[in-house]
C-alpha atoms as a PDB file:
ATOM      1  CA  MET A   1     132.167 213.656 174.092  1.00  0.00           C
ATOM      2  CA  ARG A   2     132.505 210.342 175.511  1.00  0.00           C
ATOM      3  CA  VAL A   3     133.607 210.522 179.119  1.00  0.00           C
ATOM      4  CA  GLY A   4     133.782 207.257 181.384  1.00  0.00           C
ATOM      5  CA  GLY A   5     134.887 207.115 185.207  1.00  0.00           C
ATOM      6  CA  ILE A   6     137.874 205.537 186.860  1.00  0.00           C
ATOM      7  CA  VAL A   7     137.736 204.731 190.613  1.00  0.00           C
ATOM      8  CA  VAL A   8     140.946 203.987 192.201  1.00  0.00           C
ATOM      9  CA  CYS A   9     141.036 201.927 195.424  1.00  0.00           C
ATOM     10  CA  GLY A  10     144.416 200.347 195.810  1.00  0.00           C
ATOM     11  CA  GLY A  11     145.754 202.242 198.621  1.00  0.00           C
ATOM     12  CA  LYS A  12     146.915 200.861 202.083  1.00  0.00           C
ATOM     13  CA  SER A  13     144.325 202.922 204.037  1.00  0.00           C
ATOM     14  CA  LYS A  14     147.309 203.345 206.807  1.00  0.00           C
ATOM     15  CA  ARG A  15     145.814 206.268 208.630  1.00  0.00           C
ATOM     16  CA  MET A  16     142.355 204.811 208.691  1.00  0.00           C
ATOM     17  CA  GLY A  17     143.354 201.418 209.896  1.00  0.00           C
ATOM     18  CA  GLN A  18     140.889 199.541 207.801  1.00  0.00           C
ATOM     19  CA  PRO A  19     139.984 199.028 204.180  1.00  0.00           C
ATOM     20  CA  LYS A  20     137.998 202.019 203.203  1.00  0.00           C
ATOM     21  CA  ALA A  21     136.387 200.464 200.423  1.00  0.00           C
ATOM     22  CA  TRP A  22     134.391 198.343 202.714  1.00  0.00           C
ATOM     23  CA  LEU A  23     133.382 201.220 205.177  1.00  0.00           C
ATOM     24  CA  PRO A  24     129.657 201.247 205.588  1.00  0.00           C
ATOM     25  CA  LEU A  25     127.809 204.381 204.880  1.00  0.00           C
ATOM     26  CA  ALA A  26     123.905 205.153 204.718  1.00  0.00           C
ATOM     27  CA  GLY A  27     122.946 201.674 204.235  1.00  0.00           C
ATOM     28  CA  GLU A  28     125.820 200.853 201.509  1.00  0.00           C
ATOM     29  CA  LEU A  29     129.525 200.087 201.396  1.00  0.00           C
ATOM     30  CA  MET A  30     131.990 202.770 200.392  1.00  0.00           C
ATOM     31  CA  LEU A  31     133.130 201.630 196.992  1.00  0.00           C
ATOM     32  CA  PRO A  32     129.768 200.601 195.663  1.00  0.00           C
ATOM     33  CA  ARG A  33     128.373 203.954 196.769  1.00  0.00           C
ATOM     34  CA  ILE A  34     131.291 205.753 194.716  1.00  0.00           C
ATOM     35  CA  VAL A  35     130.481 203.785 191.868  1.00  0.00           C
ATOM     36  CA  ARG A  36     126.757 204.512 191.774  1.00  0.00           C
ATOM     37  CA  LEU A  37     127.254 208.388 192.385  1.00  0.00           C
ATOM     38  CA  LEU A  38     129.786 208.452 189.729  1.00  0.00           C
ATOM     39  CA  SER A  39     127.631 206.322 187.078  1.00  0.00           C
ATOM     40  CA  GLN A  40     125.148 209.148 187.325  1.00  0.00           C
ATOM     41  CA  ALA A  41     127.222 211.348 185.426  1.00  0.00           C
ATOM     42  CA  VAL A  42     129.559 209.288 183.461  1.00  0.00           C
ATOM     43  CA  THR A  43     129.637 205.580 181.686  1.00  0.00           C
ATOM     44  CA  PRO A  44     131.026 203.398 181.762  1.00  0.00           C
ATOM     45  CA  VAL A  45     132.683 203.571 185.314  1.00  0.00           C
ATOM     46  CA  ILE A  46     135.452 200.921 186.162  1.00  0.00           C
ATOM     47  CA  VAL A  47     137.208 200.209 189.517  1.00  0.00           C
ATOM     48  CA  VAL A  48     141.079 199.923 189.591  1.00  0.00           C
ATOM     49  CA  ALA A  49     142.348 197.899 192.340  1.00  0.00           C
ATOM     50  CA  ALA A  50     145.481 196.904 193.761  1.00  0.00           C
ATOM     51  CA  PRO A  51     146.887 192.880 192.975  1.00  0.00           C
ATOM     52  CA  GLY A  52     144.960 190.454 195.201  1.00  0.00           C
ATOM     53  CA  GLN A  53     142.735 193.386 196.903  1.00  0.00           C
ATOM     54  CA  ASP A  54     139.397 192.037 198.511  1.00  0.00           C
ATOM     55  CA  LEU A  55     136.581 194.364 197.145  1.00  0.00           C
ATOM     56  CA  PRO A  56     132.624 194.596 198.303  1.00  0.00           C
ATOM     57  CA  PRO A  57     130.265 193.552 195.693  1.00  0.00           C
ATOM     58  CA  LEU A  58     129.944 195.530 192.560  1.00  0.00           C
ATOM     59  CA  PRO A  59     127.307 196.135 189.941  1.00  0.00           C
ATOM     60  CA  PRO A  60     127.710 193.468 187.394  1.00  0.00           C
ATOM     61  CA  GLU A  61     128.395 196.142 184.755  1.00  0.00           C
ATOM     62  CA  CYS A  62     131.305 197.759 186.520  1.00  0.00           C
ATOM     63  CA  VAL A  63     134.561 196.104 185.622  1.00  0.00           C
ATOM     64  CA  VAL A  64     137.470 195.716 187.778  1.00  0.00           C
ATOM     65  CA  VAL A  65     141.050 196.037 186.584  1.00  0.00           C
ATOM     66  CA  ARG A  66     144.061 195.615 188.589  1.00  0.00           C
ATOM     67  CA  ASP A  67     147.424 197.512 188.862  1.00  0.00           C
ATOM     68  CA  GLU A  68     150.087 195.750 187.251  1.00  0.00           C
ATOM     69  CA  LYS A  69     152.654 197.055 189.757  1.00  0.00           C
ATOM     70  CA  ASP A  70     151.865 197.577 193.209  1.00  0.00           C
ATOM     71  CA  ASP A  71     152.784 200.580 195.350  1.00  0.00           C
ATOM     72  CA  GLN A  72     152.860 202.908 192.277  1.00  0.00           C
ATOM     73  CA  GLY A  73     150.156 205.251 193.500  1.00  0.00           C
ATOM     74  CA  PRO A  74     146.968 206.807 191.594  1.00  0.00           C
ATOM     75  CA  LEU A  75     148.881 207.626 188.731  1.00  0.00           C
ATOM     76  CA  GLU A  76     149.247 203.682 187.806  1.00  0.00           C
ATOM     77  CA  GLY A  77     145.547 203.481 188.526  1.00  0.00           C
ATOM     78  CA  LEU A  78     145.191 206.013 186.070  1.00  0.00           C
ATOM     79  CA  ARG A  79     147.091 204.175 183.684  1.00  0.00           C
ATOM     80  CA  VAL A  80     145.593 200.906 183.934  1.00  0.00           C
ATOM     81  CA  GLY A  81     142.233 202.534 183.819  1.00  0.00           C
ATOM     82  CA  LEU A  82     143.154 204.267 180.530  1.00  0.00           C
ATOM     83  CA  GLU A  83     144.438 201.143 179.130  1.00  0.00           C
ATOM     84  CA  GLU A  84     141.024 199.770 179.735  1.00  0.00           C
ATOM     85  CA  LEU A  85     138.931 202.638 178.472  1.00  0.00           C
ATOM     86  CA  HIS A  86     140.790 204.552 175.924  1.00  0.00           C
ATOM     87  CA  ASP A  87     138.908 202.977 173.033  1.00  0.00           C
ATOM     88  CA  ARG A  88     135.609 203.512 174.324  1.00  0.00           C
ATOM     89  CA  CYS A  89     135.986 207.229 175.799  1.00  0.00           C
ATOM     90  CA  ASP A  90     137.521 210.358 174.928  1.00  0.00           C
ATOM     91  CA  ALA A  91     138.220 211.289 178.438  1.00  0.00           C
ATOM     92  CA  VAL A  92     137.652 209.846 181.893  1.00  0.00           C
ATOM     93  CA  TYR A  93     136.877 211.434 185.186  1.00  0.00           C
ATOM     94  CA  LEU A  94     139.202 210.141 187.964  1.00  0.00           C
ATOM     95  CA  SER A  95     137.964 209.647 191.366  1.00  0.00           C
ATOM     96  CA  SER A  96     139.297 207.906 194.547  1.00  0.00           C
ATOM     97  CA  CYS A  97     137.051 205.530 196.474  1.00  0.00           C
ATOM     98  CA  ASP A  98     136.734 207.587 199.580  1.00  0.00           C
ATOM     99  CA  VAL A  99     134.758 210.628 198.636  1.00  0.00           C
ATOM    100  CA  PRO A 100     131.114 209.270 199.764  1.00  0.00           C
ATOM    101  CA  LEU A 101     129.683 212.735 199.369  1.00  0.00           C
ATOM    102  CA  LEU A 102     130.271 213.134 195.886  1.00  0.00           C
ATOM    103  CA  VAL A 103     127.947 214.971 193.920  1.00  0.00           C
ATOM    104  CA  PRO A 104     127.235 213.890 190.086  1.00  0.00           C
ATOM    105  CA  ALA A 105     126.547 217.319 189.237  1.00  0.00           C
ATOM    106  CA  PHE A 106     130.126 218.654 190.437  1.00  0.00           C
ATOM    107  CA  VAL A 107     131.490 215.876 187.935  1.00  0.00           C
ATOM    108  CA  ARG A 108     129.405 217.329 184.976  1.00  0.00           C
ATOM    109  CA  ARG A 109     130.633 220.870 185.646  1.00  0.00           C
ATOM    110  CA  LEU A 110     134.289 219.788 185.345  1.00  0.00           C
ATOM    111  CA  ILE A 111     133.587 217.855 182.130  1.00  0.00           C
ATOM    112  CA  SER A 112     131.796 220.915 180.772  1.00  0.00           C
ATOM    113  CA  LEU A 113     134.964 223.142 181.639  1.00  0.00           C
ATOM    114  CA  LEU A 114     137.426 220.730 180.063  1.00  0.00           C
ATOM    115  CA  GLY A 115     137.102 222.749 176.631  1.00  0.00           C
ATOM    116  CA  GLU A 116     140.032 222.136 174.736  1.00  0.00           C
ATOM    117  CA  HIS A 117     142.499 221.300 177.486  1.00  0.00           C
ATOM    118  CA  HIS A 118     143.931 217.728 178.203  1.00  0.00           C
ATOM    119  CA  ILE A 119     143.230 217.886 182.026  1.00  0.00           C
ATOM    120  CA  CYS A 120     140.516 220.022 184.139  1.00  0.00           C
ATOM    121  CA  VAL A 121     141.211 219.724 187.774  1.00  0.00           C
ATOM    122  CA  ALA A 122     139.256 221.179 190.742  1.00  0.00           C
ATOM    123  CA  SER A 123     140.846 223.689 193.187  1.00  0.00           C
ATOM    124  CA  ASP A 124     139.905 224.456 196.690  1.00  0.00           C
ATOM    125  CA  ALA A 125     141.755 227.209 198.513  1.00  0.00           C
ATOM    126  CA  GLY A 126     144.627 226.843 196.356  1.00  0.00           C
ATOM    127  CA  HIS A 127     144.773 223.085 196.800  1.00  0.00           C
ATOM    128  CA  LEU A 128     144.715 220.875 193.718  1.00  0.00           C
ATOM    129  CA  HIS A 129     142.701 217.707 193.680  1.00  0.00           C
ATOM    130  CA  PRO A 130     144.094 215.401 191.093  1.00  0.00           C
ATOM    131  CA  LEU A 131     141.526 212.707 192.082  1.00  0.00           C
ATOM    132  CA  ALA A 132     138.642 215.235 191.302  1.00  0.00           C
ATOM    133  CA  ALA A 133     139.747 215.840 187.777  1.00  0.00           C
ATOM    134  CA  VAL A 134     138.935 214.851 184.112  1.00  0.00           C
ATOM    135  CA  TYR A 135     141.940 213.453 181.783  1.00  0.00           C
ATOM    136  CA  ARG A 136     141.392 213.039 177.895  1.00  0.00           C
ATOM    137  CA  VAL A 137     142.638 209.580 177.080  1.00  0.00           C
ATOM    138  CA  GLY A 138     145.654 211.254 175.271  1.00  0.00           C
ATOM    139  CA  VAL A 139     147.792 211.250 178.439  1.00  0.00           C
ATOM    140  CA  ARG A 140     148.261 207.771 178.739  1.00  0.00           C
ATOM    141  CA  ASP A 141     151.740 207.473 176.897  1.00  0.00           C
ATOM    142  CA  CYS A 142     153.186 210.239 179.232  1.00  0.00           C
ATOM    143  CA  ILE A 143     152.109 208.256 182.336  1.00  0.00           C
ATOM    144  CA  ALA A 144     154.107 205.466 181.113  1.00  0.00           C
ATOM    145  CA  ARG A 145     157.072 207.716 180.914  1.00  0.00           C
ATOM    146  CA  LEU A 146     156.599 209.305 183.973  1.00  0.00           C
ATOM    147  CA  LEU A 147     156.414 205.779 185.855  1.00  0.00           C
ATOM    148  CA  ALA A 148     159.263 204.660 183.996  1.00  0.00           C
ATOM    149  CA  ALA A 149     161.146 207.763 185.376  1.00  0.00           C
ATOM    150  CA  HIS A 150     160.054 206.972 188.927  1.00  0.00           C
ATOM    151  CA  ARG A 151     157.678 210.145 188.852  1.00  0.00           C
ATOM    152  CA  ARG A 152     154.413 208.827 190.651  1.00  0.00           C
ATOM    153  CA  ARG A 153     152.456 211.810 191.254  1.00  0.00           C
ATOM    154  CA  LEU A 154     149.266 212.871 189.468  1.00  0.00           C
ATOM    155  CA  ILE A 155     150.271 216.651 189.394  1.00  0.00           C
ATOM    156  CA  ASP A 156     153.341 215.696 187.241  1.00  0.00           C
ATOM    157  CA  LEU A 157     150.901 215.423 184.357  1.00  0.00           C
ATOM    158  CA  PHE A 158     150.109 219.012 185.025  1.00  0.00           C
ATOM    159  CA  ASP A 159     153.385 220.320 184.086  1.00  0.00           C
ATOM    160  CA  VAL A 160     153.076 218.459 180.724  1.00  0.00           C
ATOM    161  CA  PHE A 161     149.578 219.029 179.642  1.00  0.00           C
ATOM    162  CA  ALA A 162     147.394 222.148 179.102  1.00  0.00           C
ATOM    163  CA  THR A 163     145.326 221.947 182.257  1.00  0.00           C
ATOM    164  CA  ARG A 164     142.202 223.859 183.267  1.00  0.00           C
ATOM    165  CA  VAL A 165     142.258 224.722 186.965  1.00  0.00           C
ATOM    166  CA  VAL A 166     138.655 225.028 188.187  1.00  0.00           C
ATOM    167  CA  ALA A 167     138.434 227.304 191.433  1.00  0.00           C
ATOM    168  CA  GLY A 168     135.847 226.243 194.255  1.00  0.00           C
ATOM    169  CA  ALA A 169     133.702 229.534 193.183  1.00  0.00           C
ATOM    170  CA  GLU A 170     133.116 227.932 189.914  1.00  0.00           C
ATOM    171  CA  LEU A 171     131.863 224.881 191.592  1.00  0.00           C
ATOM    172  CA  THR A 172     129.588 225.867 194.540  1.00  0.00           C
ATOM    173  CA  ASP A 173     126.318 226.465 192.297  1.00  0.00           C
ATOM    174  CA  VAL A 174     126.392 222.697 191.852  1.00  0.00           C
ATOM    175  CA  ASP A 175     127.907 221.345 195.398  1.00  0.00           C
ATOM    176  CA  PRO A 176     127.592 224.532 197.617  1.00  0.00           C
ATOM    177  CA  THR A 177     130.085 223.320 200.206  1.00  0.00           C
ATOM    178  CA  LEU A 178     132.171 221.369 198.084  1.00  0.00           C
ATOM    179  CA  ARG A 179     131.485 217.996 199.562  1.00  0.00           C
ATOM    180  CA  SER A 180     132.545 216.235 196.284  1.00  0.00           C
ATOM    181  CA  LEU A 181     136.021 216.961 197.734  1.00  0.00           C
ATOM    182  CA  TRP A 182     135.737 215.537 201.322  1.00  0.00           C
ATOM    183  CA  ASN A 183     137.752 212.448 201.496  1.00  0.00           C
ATOM    184  CA  ILE A 184     138.200 209.808 204.231  1.00  0.00           C
ATOM    185  CA  ASN A 185     141.548 209.644 205.625  1.00  0.00           C
ATOM    186  CA  THR A 186     140.998 208.952 209.325  1.00  0.00           C
ATOM    187  CA  ALA A 187     138.402 207.842 211.657  1.00  0.00           C
ATOM    188  CA  ALA A 188     137.499 211.489 212.450  1.00  0.00           C
ATOM    189  CA  ASP A 189     136.799 212.291 208.705  1.00  0.00           C
ATOM    190  CA  TYR A 190     134.714 208.968 208.831  1.00  0.00           C
ATOM    191  CA  ALA A 191     132.939 210.602 211.792  1.00  0.00           C
ATOM    192  CA  GLN A 192     132.409 213.809 210.268  1.00  0.00           C
ATOM    193  CA  VAL A 193     131.059 212.497 207.031  1.00  0.00           C
ATOM    194  CA  LEU A 194     128.535 210.248 208.951  1.00  0.00           C
ATOM    195  CA  ASN A 195     127.443 213.236 210.931  1.00  0.00           C
ATOM    196  CA  ALA A 196     126.947 215.290 207.726  1.00  0.00           C
ATOM    197  CA  ILE A 197     124.529 212.743 206.285  1.00  0.00           C
ATOM    198  CA  GLY A 198     123.079 211.935 209.730  1.00  0.00           C
ATOM    199  CA  ASP A 199     124.220 208.242 209.679  1.00  0.00           C
ATOM    200  CA  ARG A 200     124.585 206.544 213.158  1.00  0.00           C
ATOM    201  CA  THR A 201     126.516 203.732 211.736  1.00  0.00           C
END
């Protein structure tokens, strides 16, 4: 199975107060770090950004595409990403741009558990993480219909397609503390991640 990666980074970063894609962390910037880590598990990896969004330098092989409509959320990002990758991949791993402790083996585990399902999503303490999930490219037509109906939540796809929910206990052997799910929304989250990796940036 050919699996690519989509990193969505078009959010407004309102709680963080500054663009998360540019946050320094362990000698690199956030977005290039996510692309690097995800590329260790899947290929190709593309970035979906908002129209006009300024991005840090990325590897030359990393294609950047833009949301066609602003403020549609990550569901629009997945749609645009799938339009770019649908003829090169059977499925994609969808990631946000603010999970700097992403473990490539975590991504590979979710891919291995997809089976015959259309979606395979990580869950921790009963909370679903649709931005830590594998989606078959066949979901893309449904996304357009959901957006046309003003339904912008990724989890709306779970009501339509056979979805494999993966509990944290099925992932801790490859990511013991589930750091792959640690996303940065606030300055306090950022400080916690810096502390976890011993970075005094």
